Amino acid sequence: MSTQTLYVRDHCGDFIPAPPDVVLRAAKAHLNRRVRRGAALTSPELVRNFLAVTLGDRDSEYFCVICLDTQRRFLRFVELFRGTLDAASVHPREVVKLALETPQTSAVLLAHNHPSQSGTPSAADEQITRVLRDALGLISVRVLDHFLVAGGQVVSFAELGLL
């Protein structure tokens, strides 16, 4: 992997190497402009980049939901549960409630991070995915994928055959 140095101007107008926090802040701002209400999430790479920048550096586990309409357009991103270093309690009724409270939701993308940077889904991750898929199916909302964010790595449950 090649590295590239990014530069910003200092208070005198000279170019200096950009500090990592400035680069991350700019990346988050850029992705937030691209992933906004009404934007079609047709690119898996866009979703991966958004999730890596949004969840990759968290020091505790977060479980999030992205609500989509029938055309797979972005409606809402919600950090629904915050946990500890290695777990977050996920309550299916709250995920269903979120889908019902967000008009036009016909599908969701689930996402959570592993602060340990492990990109391997746990048995509990697989179990909650099945439970949520079944619960949301009762209200005709499809779970399109569940993403696991481990630093800069984003793993798709659908690609692993776990959905």
C-alpha atoms as a PDB file:
ATOM      1  CA  MET A   1       0.000   0.000   0.000  1.00  0.00           C
ATOM      2  CA  SER A   2       1.510   3.300  -1.013  1.00  0.00           C
ATOM      3  CA  THR A   3       1.267   6.315   1.222  1.00  0.00           C
ATOM      4  CA  GLN A   4       0.610   9.802   0.061  1.00  0.00           C
ATOM      5  CA  THR A   5       1.319  12.952   2.029  1.00  0.00           C
ATOM      6  CA  LEU A   6      -1.470  15.501   2.075  1.00  0.00           C
ATOM      7  CA  TYR A   7      -0.737  19.160   2.691  1.00  0.00           C
ATOM      8  CA  VAL A   8      -2.603  22.090   4.202  1.00  0.00           C
ATOM      9  CA  ARG A   9      -1.701  25.745   4.538  1.00  0.00           C
ATOM     10  CA  ASP A  10      -0.539  27.010   7.906  1.00  0.00           C
ATOM     11  CA  HIS A  11      -1.379  30.461   9.334  1.00  0.00           C
ATOM     12  CA  CYS A  12       1.385  32.041   7.179  1.00  0.00           C
ATOM     13  CA  GLY A  13       0.065  30.450   3.981  1.00  0.00           C
ATOM     14  CA  ASP A  14       2.895  27.918   3.679  1.00  0.00           C
ATOM     15  CA  PHE A  15       2.159  24.297   2.849  1.00  0.00           C
ATOM     16  CA  ILE A  16       2.776  21.822   5.678  1.00  0.00           C
ATOM     17  CA  PRO A  17       1.947  18.094   6.026  1.00  0.00           C
ATOM     18  CA  ALA A  18      -1.658  17.728   7.195  1.00  0.00           C
ATOM     19  CA  PRO A  19      -2.089  16.287  10.699  1.00  0.00           C
ATOM     20  CA  PRO A  20      -4.116  13.026  10.775  1.00  0.00           C
ATOM     21  CA  ASP A  21      -7.048  14.641  12.636  1.00  0.00           C
ATOM     22  CA  VAL A  22      -7.380  17.271   9.890  1.00  0.00           C
ATOM     23  CA  VAL A  23      -7.381  14.582   7.179  1.00  0.00           C
ATOM     24  CA  LEU A  24     -10.018  12.537   9.027  1.00  0.00           C
ATOM     25  CA  ARG A  25     -12.201  15.581   9.616  1.00  0.00           C
ATOM     26  CA  ALA A  26     -12.027  16.474   5.909  1.00  0.00           C
ATOM     27  CA  ALA A  27     -12.795  12.872   4.888  1.00  0.00           C
ATOM     28  CA  LYS A  28     -15.819  12.757   7.204  1.00  0.00           C
ATOM     29  CA  ALA A  29     -17.100  16.063   5.820  1.00  0.00           C
ATOM     30  CA  HIS A  30     -16.637  14.835   2.241  1.00  0.00           C
ATOM     31  CA  LEU A  31     -18.422  11.523   2.874  1.00  0.00           C
ATOM     32  CA  ASN A  32     -21.234  13.239   4.777  1.00  0.00           C
ATOM     33  CA  ARG A  33     -21.861  15.382   1.696  1.00  0.00           C
ATOM     34  CA  ARG A  34     -22.023  12.251  -0.473  1.00  0.00           C
ATOM     35  CA  VAL A  35     -24.063  10.156   1.998  1.00  0.00           C
ATOM     36  CA  ARG A  36     -27.042  12.377   2.717  1.00  0.00           C
ATOM     37  CA  ARG A  37     -30.817  12.083   2.597  1.00  0.00           C
ATOM     38  CA  GLY A  38     -31.930  11.134  -0.889  1.00  0.00           C
ATOM     39  CA  ALA A  39     -28.509   9.970  -2.121  1.00  0.00           C
ATOM     40  CA  ALA A  40     -28.599   6.584  -3.832  1.00  0.00           C
ATOM     41  CA  LEU A  41     -26.319   4.122  -2.078  1.00  0.00           C
ATOM     42  CA  THR A  42     -25.563   2.118  -5.184  1.00  0.00           C
ATOM     43  CA  SER A  43     -21.828   1.865  -4.560  1.00  0.00           C
ATOM     44  CA  PRO A  44     -20.695  -0.641  -1.933  1.00  0.00           C
ATOM     45  CA  GLU A  45     -17.364   1.218  -1.833  1.00  0.00           C
ATOM     46  CA  LEU A  46     -19.094   4.467  -0.822  1.00  0.00           C
ATOM     47  CA  VAL A  47     -20.872   2.677   2.045  1.00  0.00           C
ATOM     48  CA  ARG A  48     -17.624   1.005   3.128  1.00  0.00           C
ATOM     49  CA  ASN A  49     -15.701   4.298   3.099  1.00  0.00           C
ATOM     50  CA  PHE A  50     -18.472   6.084   5.013  1.00  0.00           C
ATOM     51  CA  LEU A  51     -18.547   3.368   7.685  1.00  0.00           C
ATOM     52  CA  ALA A  52     -14.744   3.093   7.964  1.00  0.00           C
ATOM     53  CA  VAL A  53     -14.384   6.836   8.521  1.00  0.00           C
ATOM     54  CA  THR A  54     -17.438   7.059  10.792  1.00  0.00           C
ATOM     55  CA  LEU A  55     -16.839   3.989  12.996  1.00  0.00           C
ATOM     56  CA  GLY A  56     -13.263   2.868  12.397  1.00  0.00           C
ATOM     57  CA  ASP A  57     -11.611   4.882  15.157  1.00  0.00           C
ATOM     58  CA  ARG A  58     -14.184   4.390  17.921  1.00  0.00           C
ATOM     59  CA  ASP A  59     -12.942   3.074  21.260  1.00  0.00           C
ATOM     60  CA  SER A  60     -16.190   1.354  22.205  1.00  0.00           C
ATOM     61  CA  GLU A  61     -18.610  -0.742  20.203  1.00  0.00           C
ATOM     62  CA  TYR A  62     -21.455   0.995  18.348  1.00  0.00           C
ATOM     63  CA  PHE A  63     -24.366  -0.641  16.559  1.00  0.00           C
ATOM     64  CA  CYS A  64     -25.796   1.483  13.757  1.00  0.00           C
ATOM     65  CA  VAL A  65     -28.599   1.332  11.220  1.00  0.00           C
ATOM     66  CA  ILE A  66     -28.835   2.962   7.803  1.00  0.00           C
ATOM     67  CA  CYS A  67     -32.444   3.260   6.633  1.00  0.00           C
ATOM     68  CA  LEU A  68     -33.104   3.114   2.875  1.00  0.00           C
ATOM     69  CA  ASP A  69     -36.190   3.620   0.714  1.00  0.00           C
ATOM     70  CA  THR A  70     -37.432   1.369  -2.118  1.00  0.00           C
ATOM     71  CA  GLN A  71     -34.866   2.878  -4.525  1.00  0.00           C
ATOM     72  CA  ARG A  72     -32.017   2.226  -2.044  1.00  0.00           C
ATOM     73  CA  ARG A  73     -31.740   5.938  -1.320  1.00  0.00           C
ATOM     74  CA  PHE A  74     -30.338   7.063   2.019  1.00  0.00           C
ATOM     75  CA  LEU A  75     -32.949   8.164   4.540  1.00  0.00           C
ATOM     76  CA  ARG A  76     -31.144   8.119   7.858  1.00  0.00           C
ATOM     77  CA  PHE A  77     -28.034   6.924   9.723  1.00  0.00           C
ATOM     78  CA  VAL A  78     -28.543   6.219  13.410  1.00  0.00           C
ATOM     79  CA  GLU A  79     -26.053   5.159  16.081  1.00  0.00           C
ATOM     80  CA  LEU A  80     -28.650   3.116  17.919  1.00  0.00           C
ATOM     81  CA  PHE A  81     -26.626   1.367  20.626  1.00  0.00           C
ATOM     82  CA  ARG A  82     -23.312   2.104  22.311  1.00  0.00           C
ATOM     83  CA  GLY A  83     -21.573  -0.617  24.239  1.00  0.00           C
ATOM     84  CA  THR A  84     -18.290  -1.389  25.882  1.00  0.00           C
ATOM     85  CA  LEU A  85     -14.890  -2.247  24.460  1.00  0.00           C
ATOM     86  CA  ASP A  86     -16.061  -5.645  23.202  1.00  0.00           C
ATOM     87  CA  ALA A  87     -19.873  -5.723  23.182  1.00  0.00           C
ATOM     88  CA  ALA A  88     -23.033  -3.735  22.603  1.00  0.00           C
ATOM     89  CA  SER A  89     -26.489  -4.867  23.652  1.00  0.00           C
ATOM     90  CA  VAL A  90     -28.792  -4.761  20.643  1.00  0.00           C
ATOM     91  CA  HIS A  91     -32.546  -4.818  21.243  1.00  0.00           C
ATOM     92  CA  PRO A  92     -34.519  -5.965  18.172  1.00  0.00           C
ATOM     93  CA  ARG A  93     -37.638  -4.050  19.231  1.00  0.00           C
ATOM     94  CA  GLU A  94     -35.661  -0.770  19.082  1.00  0.00           C
ATOM     95  CA  VAL A  95     -34.409  -1.550  15.574  1.00  0.00           C
ATOM     96  CA  VAL A  96     -37.966  -2.341  14.447  1.00  0.00           C
ATOM     97  CA  LYS A  97     -39.207   0.835  16.150  1.00  0.00           C
ATOM     98  CA  LEU A  98     -36.580   2.897  14.287  1.00  0.00           C
ATOM     99  CA  ALA A  99     -37.654   1.405  10.957  1.00  0.00           C
ATOM    100  CA  LEU A 100     -41.317   2.173  11.710  1.00  0.00           C
ATOM    101  CA  GLU A 101     -40.519   5.731  12.851  1.00  0.00           C
ATOM    102  CA  THR A 102     -38.577   6.479   9.666  1.00  0.00           C
ATOM    103  CA  PRO A 103     -41.176   6.918   6.921  1.00  0.00           C
ATOM    104  CA  GLN A 104     -40.488   5.151   3.630  1.00  0.00           C
ATOM    105  CA  THR A 105     -37.990   2.664   5.108  1.00  0.00           C
ATOM    106  CA  SER A 106     -38.097  -0.498   3.029  1.00  0.00           C
ATOM    107  CA  ALA A 107     -34.582  -1.781   3.686  1.00  0.00           C
ATOM    108  CA  VAL A 108     -31.755  -1.321   6.140  1.00  0.00           C
ATOM    109  CA  LEU A 109     -28.020  -1.754   6.322  1.00  0.00           C
ATOM    110  CA  LEU A 110     -26.750  -2.801   9.735  1.00  0.00           C
ATOM    111  CA  ALA A 111     -23.270  -1.863  10.919  1.00  0.00           C
ATOM    112  CA  HIS A 112     -21.178  -2.204  14.018  1.00  0.00           C
ATOM    113  CA  ASN A 113     -17.539  -1.788  14.869  1.00  0.00           C
ATOM    114  CA  HIS A 114     -14.990  -3.926  16.662  1.00  0.00           C
ATOM    115  CA  PRO A 115     -12.641  -1.624  18.613  1.00  0.00           C
ATOM    116  CA  SER A 116     -10.299  -4.625  18.898  1.00  0.00           C
ATOM    117  CA  GLN A 117      -9.784  -4.273  15.115  1.00  0.00           C
ATOM    118  CA  SER A 118     -10.801  -7.923  14.607  1.00  0.00           C
ATOM    119  CA  GLY A 119     -12.530  -8.321  11.253  1.00  0.00           C
ATOM    120  CA  THR A 120     -13.964 -11.724  12.127  1.00  0.00           C
ATOM    121  CA  PRO A 121     -17.705 -11.804  12.924  1.00  0.00           C
ATOM    122  CA  SER A 122     -18.464 -13.480  16.243  1.00  0.00           C
ATOM    123  CA  ALA A 123     -21.200 -16.060  16.821  1.00  0.00           C
ATOM    124  CA  ALA A 124     -23.151 -13.316  18.637  1.00  0.00           C
ATOM    125  CA  ASP A 125     -22.791 -11.039  15.573  1.00  0.00           C
ATOM    126  CA  GLU A 126     -24.200 -13.772  13.342  1.00  0.00           C
ATOM    127  CA  GLN A 127     -27.042 -14.507  15.786  1.00  0.00           C
ATOM    128  CA  ILE A 128     -28.209 -10.874  16.121  1.00  0.00           C
ATOM    129  CA  THR A 129     -28.104 -10.522  12.340  1.00  0.00           C
ATOM    130  CA  ARG A 130     -30.503 -13.476  11.964  1.00  0.00           C
ATOM    131  CA  VAL A 131     -32.779 -12.183  14.748  1.00  0.00           C
ATOM    132  CA  LEU A 132     -32.935  -8.690  13.207  1.00  0.00           C
ATOM    133  CA  ARG A 133     -33.500 -10.055   9.692  1.00  0.00           C
ATOM    134  CA  ASP A 134     -36.450 -12.106  10.974  1.00  0.00           C
ATOM    135  CA  ALA A 135     -37.901  -9.308  13.138  1.00  0.00           C
ATOM    136  CA  LEU A 136     -37.664  -6.691  10.368  1.00  0.00           C
ATOM    137  CA  GLY A 137     -39.074  -9.182   7.875  1.00  0.00           C
ATOM    138  CA  LEU A 138     -42.312  -9.172   9.889  1.00  0.00           C
ATOM    139  CA  ILE A 139     -42.801  -5.509   8.921  1.00  0.00           C
ATOM    140  CA  SER A 140     -41.580  -6.012   5.318  1.00  0.00           C
ATOM    141  CA  VAL A 141     -38.216  -4.310   5.821  1.00  0.00           C
ATOM    142  CA  ARG A 142     -35.273  -6.135   4.240  1.00  0.00           C
ATOM    143  CA  VAL A 143     -31.829  -6.373   5.786  1.00  0.00           C
ATOM    144  CA  LEU A 144     -29.562  -5.906   2.773  1.00  0.00           C
ATOM    145  CA  ASP A 145     -26.274  -6.316   4.621  1.00  0.00           C
ATOM    146  CA  HIS A 146     -24.546  -6.130   7.968  1.00  0.00           C
ATOM    147  CA  PHE A 147     -21.119  -4.502   7.963  1.00  0.00           C
ATOM    148  CA  LEU A 148     -18.410  -5.094  10.537  1.00  0.00           C
ATOM    149  CA  VAL A 149     -15.939  -2.217  10.820  1.00  0.00           C
ATOM    150  CA  ALA A 150     -12.487  -3.108  12.119  1.00  0.00           C
ATOM    151  CA  GLY A 151     -10.406   0.041  11.779  1.00  0.00           C
ATOM    152  CA  GLY A 152     -10.091   0.671   8.047  1.00  0.00           C
ATOM    153  CA  GLN A 153     -11.330  -2.814   7.148  1.00  0.00           C
ATOM    154  CA  VAL A 154     -15.065  -3.206   6.492  1.00  0.00           C
ATOM    155  CA  VAL A 155     -16.420  -6.758   6.247  1.00  0.00           C
ATOM    156  CA  SER A 156     -19.742  -7.538   4.544  1.00  0.00           C
ATOM    157  CA  PHE A 157     -21.850 -10.316   6.054  1.00  0.00           C
ATOM    158  CA  ALA A 158     -23.644 -10.722   2.714  1.00  0.00           C
ATOM    159  CA  GLU A 159     -20.337 -11.296   0.912  1.00  0.00           C
ATOM    160  CA  LEU A 160     -19.379 -13.864   3.551  1.00  0.00           C
ATOM    161  CA  GLY A 161     -22.715 -15.680   3.054  1.00  0.00           C
ATOM    162  CA  LEU A 162     -23.870 -14.864   6.598  1.00  0.00           C
ATOM    163  CA  LEU A 163     -27.056 -13.063   5.645  1.00  0.00           C
END
